[in-house]
C-alpha atoms as a PDB file:
ATOM      1  CA  MET A   1      -0.088   0.140   0.076  1.00  0.00           C
ATOM      2  CA  LYS A   2       1.171   3.341  -0.719  1.00  0.00           C
ATOM      3  CA  GLY A   3      -0.208   6.497   1.087  1.00  0.00           C
ATOM      4  CA  GLY A   4      -3.190   4.489   2.470  1.00  0.00           C
ATOM      5  CA  PHE A   5      -4.330   3.467  -0.903  1.00  0.00           C
ATOM      6  CA  ILE A   6      -4.179   0.110  -2.351  1.00  0.00           C
ATOM      7  CA  GLU A   7      -1.961   0.349  -5.511  1.00  0.00           C
ATOM      8  CA  ARG A   8      -3.931  -0.673  -8.718  1.00  0.00           C
ATOM      9  CA  MET A   9      -2.860  -4.015 -10.281  1.00  0.00           C
ATOM     10  CA  TYR A  10      -2.781  -5.049 -13.751  1.00  0.00           C
ATOM     11  CA  LYS A  11      -1.830  -1.415 -15.275  1.00  0.00           C
ATOM     12  CA  ASN A  12      -1.326  -2.814 -18.569  1.00  0.00           C
ATOM     13  CA  LEU A  13      -4.744  -4.494 -18.708  1.00  0.00           C
ATOM     14  CA  GLU A  14      -6.241  -1.360 -17.616  1.00  0.00           C
ATOM     15  CA  ALA A  15      -4.198   0.567 -20.454  1.00  0.00           C
ATOM     16  CA  GLU A  16      -5.430  -1.867 -23.002  1.00  0.00           C
ATOM     17  CA  LEU A  17      -9.073  -1.745 -22.079  1.00  0.00           C
ATOM     18  CA  THR A  18      -8.971   2.059 -22.367  1.00  0.00           C
ATOM     19  CA  ARG A  19      -6.918   2.050 -25.649  1.00  0.00           C
ATOM     20  CA  ASN A  20      -9.592  -0.230 -27.108  1.00  0.00           C
ATOM     21  CA  GLY A  21     -12.556   1.988 -25.805  1.00  0.00           C
ATOM     22  CA  LEU A  22     -13.655  -0.984 -23.463  1.00  0.00           C
ATOM     23  CA  THR A  23     -14.847  -0.934 -19.783  1.00  0.00           C
ATOM     24  CA  GLN A  24     -14.845  -3.417 -16.900  1.00  0.00           C
ATOM     25  CA  ASN A  25     -18.192  -3.932 -17.808  1.00  0.00           C
ATOM     26  CA  ASP A  26     -17.337  -5.312 -21.018  1.00  0.00           C
ATOM     27  CA  LEU A  27     -14.698  -7.621 -19.235  1.00  0.00           C
ATOM     28  CA  CYS A  28     -17.749  -8.571 -17.013  1.00  0.00           C
ATOM     29  CA  LYS A  29     -19.647  -9.552 -20.035  1.00  0.00           C
ATOM     30  CA  LEU A  30     -16.975 -11.493 -21.547  1.00  0.00           C
ATOM     31  CA  LEU A  31     -16.075 -13.765 -18.336  1.00  0.00           C
ATOM     32  CA  ASN A  32     -19.701 -13.888 -17.427  1.00  0.00           C
ATOM     33  CA  LEU A  33     -18.803 -12.252 -13.995  1.00  0.00           C
ATOM     34  CA  ASN A  34     -20.430  -9.551 -11.979  1.00  0.00           C
ATOM     35  CA  LYS A  35     -18.767  -6.185 -11.362  1.00  0.00           C
ATOM     36  CA  SER A  36     -17.772  -6.612  -7.890  1.00  0.00           C
ATOM     37  CA  THR A  37     -15.683  -9.949  -8.857  1.00  0.00           C
ATOM     38  CA  ILE A  38     -14.094  -7.976 -11.732  1.00  0.00           C
ATOM     39  CA  SER A  39     -12.957  -5.121  -9.457  1.00  0.00           C
ATOM     40  CA  ASN A  40     -11.514  -7.504  -6.998  1.00  0.00           C
ATOM     41  CA  LYS A  41      -9.681  -9.270  -9.511  1.00  0.00           C
ATOM     42  CA  MET A  42      -8.500  -5.663 -11.049  1.00  0.00           C
ATOM     43  CA  ASN A  43      -7.360  -4.739  -7.492  1.00  0.00           C
ATOM     44  CA  GLY A  44      -5.416  -7.996  -6.582  1.00  0.00           C
ATOM     45  CA  ILE A  45      -7.916  -9.055  -4.088  1.00  0.00           C
ATOM     46  CA  ARG A  46      -8.819 -12.088  -5.977  1.00  0.00           C
ATOM     47  CA  ASP A  47      -6.871 -13.943  -8.857  1.00  0.00           C
ATOM     48  CA  PHE A  48      -7.722 -14.121 -12.398  1.00  0.00           C
ATOM     49  CA  LYS A  49      -7.884 -18.079 -13.250  1.00  0.00           C
ATOM     50  CA  LEU A  50      -5.712 -18.923 -16.276  1.00  0.00           C
ATOM     51  CA  ILE A  51      -8.519 -19.491 -18.662  1.00  0.00           C
ATOM     52  CA  GLU A  52      -9.654 -16.230 -18.010  1.00  0.00           C
ATOM     53  CA  CYS A  53      -6.347 -14.653 -18.745  1.00  0.00           C
ATOM     54  CA  LYS A  54      -6.326 -16.393 -22.010  1.00  0.00           C
ATOM     55  CA  LYS A  55      -9.836 -15.100 -23.056  1.00  0.00           C
ATOM     56  CA  ILE A  56      -8.778 -11.768 -22.120  1.00  0.00           C
ATOM     57  CA  ALA A  57      -5.403 -11.814 -24.110  1.00  0.00           C
ATOM     58  CA  ILE A  58      -7.119 -13.234 -27.047  1.00  0.00           C
ATOM     59  CA  TRP A  59     -10.095 -10.484 -26.886  1.00  0.00           C
ATOM     60  CA  LEU A  60      -7.422  -7.986 -26.746  1.00  0.00           C
ATOM     61  CA  ASN A  61      -5.008  -9.410 -29.133  1.00  0.00           C
ATOM     62  CA  SER A  62      -2.173  -9.456 -26.671  1.00  0.00           C
ATOM     63  CA  THR A  63      -0.391 -11.723 -24.534  1.00  0.00           C
ATOM     64  CA  ILE A  64      -0.872 -12.903 -20.883  1.00  0.00           C
ATOM     65  CA  ASP A  65       2.656 -12.067 -19.785  1.00  0.00           C
ATOM     66  CA  TYR A  66       2.164  -8.177 -21.124  1.00  0.00           C
ATOM     67  CA  LEU A  67      -1.506  -7.812 -19.664  1.00  0.00           C
ATOM     68  CA  PHE A  68      -0.815  -9.332 -16.163  1.00  0.00           C
ATOM     69  CA  GLU A  69       2.808  -7.883 -15.549  1.00  0.00           C
ATOM     70  CA  ILE A  70       3.104  -6.966 -12.377  1.00  0.00           C
ATOM     71  CA  LYS A  71       6.108  -4.769 -11.306  1.00  0.00           C
ATOM     72  CA  ASN A  72       7.370  -4.668  -7.719  1.00  0.00           C
ATOM     73  CA  ASN A  73       8.844  -1.538  -6.705  1.00  0.00           C
END
């Protein structure tokens, strides 16, 4: 945590969603999950399943390594 706030996970995934004009709601539809589950996964509270990562990477024409890269500071 930095400054009392949970640091955002998966910045590359968020950037690609934005770049493609997509939202977390679109991600909900793709993965058939509710908004709170997606929010928890995006914030690192819950883990994405491998199959979910694969679906997202294909959907965004990207790679799992890039989308789910976590940089340790």
